[in-house]
mmCIF file of all heavy atoms, coordinates in Angstrom:
data_MODEL
# 
_entry.id   MODEL 
# 
loop_
_atom_site.group_PDB 
_atom_site.id 
_atom_site.type_symbol 
_atom_site.label_atom_id 
_atom_site.label_alt_id 
_atom_site.label_comp_id 
_atom_site.label_asym_id 
_atom_site.label_entity_id 
_atom_site.label_seq_id 
_atom_site.pdbx_PDB_ins_code 
_atom_site.Cartn_x 
_atom_site.Cartn_y 
_atom_site.Cartn_z 
_atom_site.occupancy 
_atom_site.B_iso_or_equiv 
_atom_site.pdbx_formal_charge 
_atom_site.auth_seq_id 
_atom_site.auth_comp_id 
_atom_site.auth_asym_id 
_atom_site.auth_atom_id 
_atom_site.pdbx_PDB_model_num 
ATOM 1   N N   . ALA A 1 1  ? -88.628  8.806   -127.779 1.00 0.00 ? 1  ALA A N   1 
ATOM 2   C CA  . ALA A 1 1  ? -88.427  10.251  -127.812 1.00 0.00 ? 1  ALA A CA  1 
ATOM 3   C C   . ALA A 1 1  ? -88.319  10.747  -126.317 1.00 0.00 ? 1  ALA A C   1 
ATOM 4   O O   . ALA A 1 1  ? -89.289  11.344  -125.737 1.00 0.00 ? 1  ALA A O   1 
ATOM 5   C CB  . ALA A 1 1  ? -89.555  10.955  -128.564 1.00 0.00 ? 1  ALA A CB  1 
ATOM 6   N N   . ASP A 1 2  ? -87.166  10.575  -125.784 1.00 0.00 ? 2  ASP A N   1 
ATOM 7   C CA  . ASP A 1 2  ? -87.067  10.820  -124.292 1.00 0.00 ? 2  ASP A CA  1 
ATOM 8   C C   . ASP A 1 2  ? -86.997  12.305  -123.917 1.00 0.00 ? 2  ASP A C   1 
ATOM 9   O O   . ASP A 1 2  ? -86.776  12.647  -122.742 1.00 0.00 ? 2  ASP A O   1 
ATOM 10  C CB  . ASP A 1 2  ? -85.875  9.956   -123.724 1.00 0.00 ? 2  ASP A CB  1 
ATOM 11  C CG  . ASP A 1 2  ? -84.612  10.156  -124.583 1.00 0.00 ? 2  ASP A CG  1 
ATOM 12  O OD1 . ASP A 1 2  ? -84.514  11.109  -125.404 1.00 0.00 ? 2  ASP A OD1 1 
ATOM 13  O OD2 . ASP A 1 2  ? -83.702  9.297   -124.429 1.00 0.00 ? 2  ASP A OD2 1 
ATOM 14  N N   . SER A 1 3  ? -87.035  13.258  -124.877 1.00 0.00 ? 3  SER A N   1 
ATOM 15  C CA  . SER A 1 3  ? -86.997  14.634  -124.506 1.00 0.00 ? 3  SER A CA  1 
ATOM 16  C C   . SER A 1 3  ? -88.315  15.019  -124.000 1.00 0.00 ? 3  SER A C   1 
ATOM 17  O O   . SER A 1 3  ? -88.526  16.104  -123.394 1.00 0.00 ? 3  SER A O   1 
ATOM 18  C CB  . SER A 1 3  ? -86.668  15.462  -125.685 1.00 0.00 ? 3  SER A CB  1 
ATOM 19  O OG  . SER A 1 3  ? -85.328  15.288  -126.114 1.00 0.00 ? 3  SER A OG  1 
ATOM 20  N N   . ILE A 1 4  ? -89.366  14.135  -124.329 1.00 0.00 ? 4  ILE A N   1 
ATOM 21  C CA  . ILE A 1 4  ? -90.756  14.489  -123.873 1.00 0.00 ? 4  ILE A CA  1 
ATOM 22  C C   . ILE A 1 4  ? -91.110  13.535  -122.806 1.00 0.00 ? 4  ILE A C   1 
ATOM 23  O O   . ILE A 1 4  ? -91.097  12.337  -122.925 1.00 0.00 ? 4  ILE A O   1 
ATOM 24  C CB  . ILE A 1 4  ? -91.773  14.364  -125.000 1.00 0.00 ? 4  ILE A CB  1 
ATOM 25  C CG1 . ILE A 1 4  ? -91.355  15.352  -126.163 1.00 0.00 ? 4  ILE A CG1 1 
ATOM 26  C CG2 . ILE A 1 4  ? -93.152  14.561  -124.578 1.00 0.00 ? 4  ILE A CG2 1 
ATOM 27  C CD1 . ILE A 1 4  ? -92.307  15.155  -127.359 1.00 0.00 ? 4  ILE A CD1 1 
ATOM 28  N N   . LYS A 1 5  ? -91.418  14.048  -121.570 1.00 0.00 ? 5  LYS A N   1 
ATOM 29  C CA  . LYS A 1 5  ? -91.766  13.312  -120.423 1.00 0.00 ? 5  LYS A CA  1 
ATOM 30  C C   . LYS A 1 5  ? -93.280  13.409  -120.165 1.00 0.00 ? 5  LYS A C   1 
ATOM 31  O O   . LYS A 1 5  ? -93.784  14.537  -120.039 1.00 0.00 ? 5  LYS A O   1 
ATOM 32  C CB  . LYS A 1 5  ? -91.089  13.791  -119.156 1.00 0.00 ? 5  LYS A CB  1 
ATOM 33  C CG  . LYS A 1 5  ? -89.514  13.855  -119.254 1.00 0.00 ? 5  LYS A CG  1 
ATOM 34  C CD  . LYS A 1 5  ? -88.946  12.432  -119.502 1.00 0.00 ? 5  LYS A CD  1 
ATOM 35  C CE  . LYS A 1 5  ? -87.395  12.534  -119.569 1.00 0.00 ? 5  LYS A CE  1 
ATOM 36  N NZ  . LYS A 1 5  ? -86.861  11.170  -119.821 1.00 0.00 ? 5  LYS A NZ  1 
ATOM 37  N N   . LEU A 1 6  ? -93.990  12.309  -120.139 1.00 0.00 ? 6  LEU A N   1 
ATOM 38  C CA  . LEU A 1 6  ? -95.419  12.300  -119.854 1.00 0.00 ? 6  LEU A CA  1 
ATOM 39  C C   . LEU A 1 6  ? -95.668  11.974  -118.378 1.00 0.00 ? 6  LEU A C   1 
ATOM 40  O O   . LEU A 1 6  ? -94.841  11.547  -117.664 1.00 0.00 ? 6  LEU A O   1 
ATOM 41  C CB  . LEU A 1 6  ? -96.050  11.288  -120.808 1.00 0.00 ? 6  LEU A CB  1 
ATOM 42  C CG  . LEU A 1 6  ? -95.878  11.522  -122.335 1.00 0.00 ? 6  LEU A CG  1 
ATOM 43  C CD1 . LEU A 1 6  ? -96.677  10.475  -123.105 1.00 0.00 ? 6  LEU A CD1 1 
ATOM 44  C CD2 . LEU A 1 6  ? -96.389  12.970  -122.738 1.00 0.00 ? 6  LEU A CD2 1 
ATOM 45  N N   . GLU A 1 7  ? -96.981  12.159  -117.997 1.00 0.00 ? 7  GLU A N   1 
ATOM 46  C CA  . GLU A 1 7  ? -97.345  11.992  -116.595 1.00 0.00 ? 7  GLU A CA  1 
ATOM 47  C C   . GLU A 1 7  ? -97.077  10.519  -116.134 1.00 0.00 ? 7  GLU A C   1 
ATOM 48  O O   . GLU A 1 7  ? -97.325  9.536   -116.844 1.00 0.00 ? 7  GLU A O   1 
ATOM 49  C CB  . GLU A 1 7  ? -98.805  12.355  -116.493 1.00 0.00 ? 7  GLU A CB  1 
ATOM 50  C CG  . GLU A 1 7  ? -99.312  12.364  -114.984 1.00 0.00 ? 7  GLU A CG  1 
ATOM 51  C CD  . GLU A 1 7  ? -100.748 12.809  -114.959 1.00 0.00 ? 7  GLU A CD  1 
ATOM 52  O OE1 . GLU A 1 7  ? -101.328 13.204  -115.925 1.00 0.00 ? 7  GLU A OE1 1 
ATOM 53  O OE2 . GLU A 1 7  ? -101.302 12.578  -113.865 1.00 0.00 ? 7  GLU A OE2 1 
ATOM 54  N N   . GLY A 1 8  ? -96.705  10.410  -114.864 1.00 0.00 ? 8  GLY A N   1 
ATOM 55  C CA  . GLY A 1 8  ? -96.471  9.093   -114.307 1.00 0.00 ? 8  GLY A CA  1 
ATOM 56  C C   . GLY A 1 8  ? -97.788  8.375   -113.970 1.00 0.00 ? 8  GLY A C   1 
ATOM 57  O O   . GLY A 1 8  ? -98.791  9.077   -113.871 1.00 0.00 ? 8  GLY A O   1 
ATOM 58  N N   . GLU A 1 9  ? -97.720  7.123   -113.842 1.00 0.00 ? 9  GLU A N   1 
ATOM 59  C CA  . GLU A 1 9  ? -98.926  6.337   -113.509 1.00 0.00 ? 9  GLU A CA  1 
ATOM 60  C C   . GLU A 1 9  ? -98.502  5.138   -112.684 1.00 0.00 ? 9  GLU A C   1 
ATOM 61  O O   . GLU A 1 9  ? -97.388  4.820   -112.502 1.00 0.00 ? 9  GLU A O   1 
ATOM 62  C CB  . GLU A 1 9  ? -99.686  5.955   -114.749 1.00 0.00 ? 9  GLU A CB  1 
ATOM 63  C CG  . GLU A 1 9  ? -98.844  5.227   -115.740 1.00 0.00 ? 9  GLU A CG  1 
ATOM 64  C CD  . GLU A 1 9  ? -99.500  5.088   -117.125 1.00 0.00 ? 9  GLU A CD  1 
ATOM 65  O OE1 . GLU A 1 9  ? -99.940  6.108   -117.605 1.00 0.00 ? 9  GLU A OE1 1 
ATOM 66  O OE2 . GLU A 1 9  ? -99.497  3.945   -117.660 1.00 0.00 ? 9  GLU A OE2 1 
ATOM 67  N N   . GLN A 1 10 ? -99.572  4.363   -112.260 1.00 0.00 ? 10 GLN A N   1 
ATOM 68  C CA  . GLN A 1 10 ? -99.280  3.120   -111.406 1.00 0.00 ? 10 GLN A CA  1 
ATOM 69  C C   . GLN A 1 10 ? -100.126 2.018   -111.981 1.00 0.00 ? 10 GLN A C   1 
ATOM 70  O O   . GLN A 1 10 ? -101.253 2.156   -112.518 1.00 0.00 ? 10 GLN A O   1 
ATOM 71  C CB  . GLN A 1 10 ? -99.700  3.387   -109.956 1.00 0.00 ? 10 GLN A CB  1 
ATOM 72  C CG  . GLN A 1 10 ? -98.862  4.382   -109.248 1.00 0.00 ? 10 GLN A CG  1 
ATOM 73  C CD  . GLN A 1 10 ? -99.214  5.780   -109.477 1.00 0.00 ? 10 GLN A CD  1 
ATOM 74  O OE1 . GLN A 1 10 ? -100.404 6.102   -109.505 1.00 0.00 ? 10 GLN A OE1 1 
ATOM 75  N NE2 . GLN A 1 10 ? -98.240  6.692   -109.722 1.00 0.00 ? 10 GLN A NE2 1 
ATOM 76  N N   . TYR A 1 11 ? -99.569  0.863   -111.812 1.00 0.00 ? 11 TYR A N   1 
ATOM 77  C CA  . TYR A 1 11 ? -100.264 -0.382  -112.228 1.00 0.00 ? 11 TYR A CA  1 
ATOM 78  C C   . TYR A 1 11 ? -100.980 -1.087  -111.104 1.00 0.00 ? 11 TYR A C   1 
ATOM 79  O O   . TYR A 1 11 ? -100.346 -1.056  -109.964 1.00 0.00 ? 11 TYR A O   1 
ATOM 80  C CB  . TYR A 1 11 ? -99.353  -1.484  -112.831 1.00 0.00 ? 11 TYR A CB  1 
ATOM 81  C CG  . TYR A 1 11 ? -98.822  -1.097  -114.194 1.00 0.00 ? 11 TYR A CG  1 
ATOM 82  C CD1 . TYR A 1 11 ? -97.685  -1.756  -114.694 1.00 0.00 ? 11 TYR A CD1 1 
ATOM 83  C CD2 . TYR A 1 11 ? -99.405  -0.145  -115.080 1.00 0.00 ? 11 TYR A CD2 1 
ATOM 84  C CE1 . TYR A 1 11 ? -97.122  -1.510  -115.986 1.00 0.00 ? 11 TYR A CE1 1 
ATOM 85  C CE2 . TYR A 1 11 ? -98.909  0.069   -116.314 1.00 0.00 ? 11 TYR A CE2 1 
ATOM 86  C CZ  . TYR A 1 11 ? -97.742  -0.561  -116.831 1.00 0.00 ? 11 TYR A CZ  1 
ATOM 87  O OH  . TYR A 1 11 ? -97.236  -0.379  -118.024 1.00 0.00 ? 11 TYR A OH  1 
ATOM 88  N N   . ALA A 1 12 ? -102.135 -1.653  -111.313 1.00 0.00 ? 12 ALA A N   1 
ATOM 89  C CA  . ALA A 1 12 ? -102.832 -2.425  -110.275 1.00 0.00 ? 12 ALA A CA  1 
ATOM 90  C C   . ALA A 1 12 ? -103.660 -3.457  -111.008 1.00 0.00 ? 12 ALA A C   1 
ATOM 91  O O   . ALA A 1 12 ? -103.788 -3.456  -112.186 1.00 0.00 ? 12 ALA A O   1 
ATOM 92  C CB  . ALA A 1 12 ? -103.783 -1.506  -109.473 1.00 0.00 ? 12 ALA A CB  1 
ATOM 93  N N   . VAL A 1 13 ? -104.247 -4.419  -110.158 1.00 0.00 ? 13 VAL A N   1 
ATOM 94  C CA  . VAL A 1 13 ? -105.087 -5.455  -110.733 1.00 0.00 ? 13 VAL A CA  1 
ATOM 95  C C   . VAL A 1 13 ? -106.490 -4.923  -110.640 1.00 0.00 ? 13 VAL A C   1 
ATOM 96  O O   . VAL A 1 13 ? -106.951 -4.445  -109.687 1.00 0.00 ? 13 VAL A O   1 
ATOM 97  C CB  . VAL A 1 13 ? -104.967 -6.769  -109.951 1.00 0.00 ? 13 VAL A CB  1 
ATOM 98  C CG1 . VAL A 1 13 ? -105.702 -7.865  -110.634 1.00 0.00 ? 13 VAL A CG1 1 
ATOM 99  C CG2 . VAL A 1 13 ? -103.535 -7.051  -109.700 1.00 0.00 ? 13 VAL A CG2 1 
ATOM 100 N N   . GLY A 1 14 ? -107.255 -5.128  -111.766 1.00 0.00 ? 14 GLY A N   1 
ATOM 101 C CA  . GLY A 1 14 ? -108.633 -4.656  -111.728 1.00 0.00 ? 14 GLY A CA  1 
ATOM 102 C C   . GLY A 1 14 ? -109.644 -5.834  -111.540 1.00 0.00 ? 14 GLY A C   1 
ATOM 103 O O   . GLY A 1 14 ? -109.481 -6.861  -112.187 1.00 0.00 ? 14 GLY A O   1 
ATOM 104 N N   . PHE A 1 15 ? -110.621 -5.624  -110.665 1.00 0.00 ? 15 PHE A N   1 
ATOM 105 C CA  . PHE A 1 15 ? -111.607 -6.570  -110.356 1.00 0.00 ? 15 PHE A CA  1 
ATOM 106 C C   . PHE A 1 15 ? -113.053 -6.007  -110.575 1.00 0.00 ? 15 PHE A C   1 
ATOM 107 O O   . PHE A 1 15 ? -113.223 -4.709  -110.511 1.00 0.00 ? 15 PHE A O   1 
ATOM 108 C CB  . PHE A 1 15 ? -111.522 -7.119  -108.927 1.00 0.00 ? 15 PHE A CB  1 
ATOM 109 C CG  . PHE A 1 15 ? -110.209 -7.765  -108.649 1.00 0.00 ? 15 PHE A CG  1 
ATOM 110 C CD1 . PHE A 1 15 ? -109.170 -6.990  -108.044 1.00 0.00 ? 15 PHE A CD1 1 
ATOM 111 C CD2 . PHE A 1 15 ? -110.059 -9.118  -108.850 1.00 0.00 ? 15 PHE A CD2 1 
ATOM 112 C CE1 . PHE A 1 15 ? -107.994 -7.626  -107.765 1.00 0.00 ? 15 PHE A CE1 1 
ATOM 113 C CE2 . PHE A 1 15 ? -108.850 -9.719  -108.518 1.00 0.00 ? 15 PHE A CE2 1 
ATOM 114 C CZ  . PHE A 1 15 ? -107.745 -8.978  -108.004 1.00 0.00 ? 15 PHE A CZ  1 
ATOM 115 N N   . LYS A 1 16 ? -114.007 -6.856  -110.785 1.00 0.00 ? 16 LYS A N   1 
ATOM 116 C CA  . LYS A 1 16 ? -115.400 -6.413  -110.842 1.00 0.00 ? 16 LYS A CA  1 
ATOM 117 C C   . LYS A 1 16 ? -115.764 -5.686  -109.546 1.00 0.00 ? 16 LYS A C   1 
ATOM 118 O O   . LYS A 1 16 ? -115.318 -6.031  -108.483 1.00 0.00 ? 16 LYS A O   1 
ATOM 119 C CB  . LYS A 1 16 ? -116.280 -7.617  -111.091 1.00 0.00 ? 16 LYS A CB  1 
ATOM 120 C CG  . LYS A 1 16 ? -117.725 -7.237  -111.467 1.00 0.00 ? 16 LYS A CG  1 
ATOM 121 C CD  . LYS A 1 16 ? -118.541 -8.490  -111.825 1.00 0.00 ? 16 LYS A CD  1 
ATOM 122 C CE  . LYS A 1 16 ? -119.962 -8.120  -112.298 1.00 0.00 ? 16 LYS A CE  1 
ATOM 123 N NZ  . LYS A 1 16 ? -120.707 -9.403  -112.708 1.00 0.00 ? 16 LYS A NZ  1 
ATOM 124 N N   . LYS A 1 17 ? -116.509 -4.664  -109.608 1.00 0.00 ? 17 LYS A N   1 
ATOM 125 C CA  . LYS A 1 17 ? -117.027 -3.919  -108.442 1.00 0.00 ? 17 LYS A CA  1 
ATOM 126 C C   . LYS A 1 17 ? -117.579 -4.886  -107.412 1.00 0.00 ? 17 LYS A C   1 
ATOM 127 O O   . LYS A 1 17 ? -118.500 -5.667  -107.714 1.00 0.00 ? 17 LYS A O   1 
ATOM 128 C CB  . LYS A 1 17 ? -118.013 -2.834  -108.815 1.00 0.00 ? 17 LYS A CB  1 
ATOM 129 C CG  . LYS A 1 17 ? -117.422 -1.530  -109.402 1.00 0.00 ? 17 LYS A CG  1 
ATOM 130 C CD  . LYS A 1 17 ? -116.701 -0.781  -108.340 1.00 0.00 ? 17 LYS A CD  1 
ATOM 131 C CE  . LYS A 1 17 ? -116.215 0.596   -108.752 1.00 0.00 ? 17 LYS A CE  1 
ATOM 132 N NZ  . LYS A 1 17 ? -115.460 1.238   -107.685 1.00 0.00 ? 17 LYS A NZ  1 
ATOM 133 N N   . GLY A 1 18 ? -117.111 -4.759  -106.150 1.00 0.00 ? 18 GLY A N   1 
ATOM 134 C CA  . GLY A 1 18 ? -117.701 -5.502  -105.006 1.00 0.00 ? 18 GLY A CA  1 
ATOM 135 C C   . GLY A 1 18 ? -117.040 -6.978  -104.899 1.00 0.00 ? 18 GLY A C   1 
ATOM 136 O O   . GLY A 1 18 ? -117.415 -7.667  -104.053 1.00 0.00 ? 18 GLY A O   1 
ATOM 137 N N   . SER A 1 19 ? -116.004 -7.257  -105.764 1.00 0.00 ? 19 SER A N   1 
ATOM 138 C CA  . SER A 1 19 ? -115.401 -8.593  -105.710 1.00 0.00 ? 19 SER A CA  1 
ATOM 139 C C   . SER A 1 19 ? -114.673 -8.737  -104.452 1.00 0.00 ? 19 SER A C   1 
ATOM 140 O O   . SER A 1 19 ? -113.869 -7.882  -103.943 1.00 0.00 ? 19 SER A O   1 
ATOM 141 C CB  . SER A 1 19 ? -114.423 -8.768  -106.918 1.00 0.00 ? 19 SER A CB  1 
ATOM 142 O OG  . SER A 1 19 ? -113.658 -9.970  -106.790 1.00 0.00 ? 19 SER A OG  1 
ATOM 143 N N   . ASP A 1 20 ? -114.783 -9.962  -103.807 1.00 0.00 ? 20 ASP A N   1 
ATOM 144 C CA  . ASP A 1 20 ? -114.040 -10.275 -102.642 1.00 0.00 ? 20 ASP A CA  1 
ATOM 145 C C   . ASP A 1 20 ? -112.626 -10.603 -102.863 1.00 0.00 ? 20 ASP A C   1 
ATOM 146 O O   . ASP A 1 20 ? -111.806 -10.767 -101.970 1.00 0.00 ? 20 ASP A O   1 
ATOM 147 C CB  . ASP A 1 20 ? -114.766 -11.333 -101.763 1.00 0.00 ? 20 ASP A CB  1 
ATOM 148 C CG  . ASP A 1 20 ? -114.813 -12.642 -102.587 1.00 0.00 ? 20 ASP A CG  1 
ATOM 149 O OD1 . ASP A 1 20 ? -114.462 -12.736 -103.780 1.00 0.00 ? 20 ASP A OD1 1 
ATOM 150 O OD2 . ASP A 1 20 ? -115.347 -13.659 -101.961 1.00 0.00 ? 20 ASP A OD2 1 
ATOM 151 N N   . LEU A 1 21 ? -112.258 -10.759 -104.149 1.00 0.00 ? 21 LEU A N   1 
ATOM 152 C CA  . LEU A 1 21 ? -110.859 -11.069 -104.563 1.00 0.00 ? 21 LEU A CA  1 
ATOM 153 C C   . LEU A 1 21 ? -109.909 -9.945  -104.306 1.00 0.00 ? 21 LEU A C   1 
ATOM 154 O O   . LEU A 1 21 ? -108.668 -10.141 -104.018 1.00 0.00 ? 21 LEU A O   1 
ATOM 155 C CB  . LEU A 1 21 ? -110.821 -11.475 -106.069 1.00 0.00 ? 21 LEU A CB  1 
ATOM 156 C CG  . LEU A 1 21 ? -111.314 -12.864 -106.377 1.00 0.00 ? 21 LEU A CG  1 
ATOM 157 C CD1 . LEU A 1 21 ? -111.376 -12.978 -107.930 1.00 0.00 ? 21 LEU A CD1 1 
ATOM 158 C CD2 . LEU A 1 21 ? -110.458 -13.953 -105.744 1.00 0.00 ? 21 LEU A CD2 1 
ATOM 159 N N   . THR A 1 22 ? -110.383 -8.692  -104.365 1.00 0.00 ? 22 THR A N   1 
ATOM 160 C CA  . THR A 1 22 ? -109.525 -7.587  -104.214 1.00 0.00 ? 22 THR A CA  1 
ATOM 161 C C   . THR A 1 22 ? -108.764 -7.611  -102.883 1.00 0.00 ? 22 THR A C   1 
ATOM 162 O O   . THR A 1 22 ? -107.574 -7.477  -102.855 1.00 0.00 ? 22 THR A O   1 
ATOM 163 C CB  . THR A 1 22 ? -110.391 -6.198  -104.319 1.00 0.00 ? 22 THR A CB  1 
ATOM 164 O OG1 . THR A 1 22 ? -111.193 -6.288  -105.374 1.00 0.00 ? 22 THR A OG1 1 
ATOM 165 C CG2 . THR A 1 22 ? -109.416 -5.045  -104.418 1.00 0.00 ? 22 THR A CG2 1 
ATOM 166 N N   . ALA A 1 23 ? -109.451 -7.774  -101.760 1.00 0.00 ? 23 ALA A N   1 
ATOM 167 C CA  . ALA A 1 23 ? -108.822 -7.794  -100.459 1.00 0.00 ? 23 ALA A CA  1 
ATOM 168 C C   . ALA A 1 23 ? -107.899 -9.012  -100.322 1.00 0.00 ? 23 ALA A C   1 
ATOM 169 O O   . ALA A 1 23 ? -106.825 -8.920  -99.745  1.00 0.00 ? 23 ALA A O   1 
ATOM 170 C CB  . ALA A 1 23 ? -109.871 -7.843  -99.331  1.00 0.00 ? 23 ALA A CB  1 
ATOM 171 N N   . LYS A 1 24 ? -108.329 -10.104 -100.920 1.00 0.00 ? 24 LYS A N   1 
ATOM 172 C CA  . LYS A 1 24 ? -107.445 -11.326 -100.766 1.00 0.00 ? 24 LYS A CA  1 
ATOM 173 C C   . LYS A 1 24 ? -106.143 -11.150 -101.587 1.00 0.00 ? 24 LYS A C   1 
ATOM 174 O O   . LYS A 1 24 ? -105.071 -11.502 -101.106 1.00 0.00 ? 24 LYS A O   1 
ATOM 175 C CB  . LYS A 1 24 ? -108.261 -12.486 -101.409 1.00 0.00 ? 24 LYS A CB  1 
ATOM 176 C CG  . LYS A 1 24 ? -109.455 -12.895 -100.529 1.00 0.00 ? 24 LYS A CG  1 
ATOM 177 C CD  . LYS A 1 24 ? -110.196 -14.093 -101.155 1.00 0.00 ? 24 LYS A CD  1 
ATOM 178 C CE  . LYS A 1 24 ? -111.393 -14.530 -100.456 1.00 0.00 ? 24 LYS A CE  1 
ATOM 179 N NZ  . LYS A 1 24 ? -112.087 -15.591 -101.036 1.00 0.00 ? 24 LYS A NZ  1 
ATOM 180 N N   . VAL A 1 25 ? -106.211 -10.560 -102.766 1.00 0.00 ? 25 VAL A N   1 
ATOM 181 C CA  . VAL A 1 25 ? -104.981 -10.277 -103.607 1.00 0.00 ? 25 VAL A CA  1 
ATOM 182 C C   . VAL A 1 25 ? -104.100 -9.280  -102.804 1.00 0.00 ? 25 VAL A C   1 
ATOM 183 O O   . VAL A 1 25 ? -102.874 -9.427  -102.802 1.00 0.00 ? 25 VAL A O   1 
ATOM 184 C CB  . VAL A 1 25 ? -105.360 -9.815  -105.021 1.00 0.00 ? 25 VAL A CB  1 
ATOM 185 C CG1 . VAL A 1 25 ? -104.159 -9.240  -105.696 1.00 0.00 ? 25 VAL A CG1 1 
ATOM 186 C CG2 . VAL A 1 25 ? -105.949 -10.998 -105.827 1.00 0.00 ? 25 VAL A CG2 1 
ATOM 187 N N   . ASN A 1 26 ? -104.738 -8.275  -102.241 1.00 0.00 ? 26 ASN A N   1 
ATOM 188 C CA  . ASN A 1 26 ? -103.957 -7.266  -101.568 1.00 0.00 ? 26 ASN A CA  1 
ATOM 189 C C   . ASN A 1 26 ? -103.181 -7.920  -100.386 1.00 0.00 ? 26 ASN A C   1 
ATOM 190 O O   . ASN A 1 26 ? -101.985 -7.579  -100.162 1.00 0.00 ? 26 ASN A O   1 
ATOM 191 C CB  . ASN A 1 26 ? -104.835 -6.189  -100.899 1.00 0.00 ? 26 ASN A CB  1 
ATOM 192 C CG  . ASN A 1 26 ? -105.281 -5.118  -101.982 1.00 0.00 ? 26 ASN A CG  1 
ATOM 193 O OD1 . ASN A 1 26 ? -104.744 -5.076  -103.053 1.00 0.00 ? 26 ASN A OD1 1 
ATOM 194 N ND2 . ASN A 1 26 ? -106.299 -4.356  -101.649 1.00 0.00 ? 26 ASN A ND2 1 
# 
């Protein structure tokens, strides 16, 4: 139903809080 436009968003990878993987993946 393309007459209705909803808010935009972004995708990212989610890690456990404090994970050192976040910086490595970035």
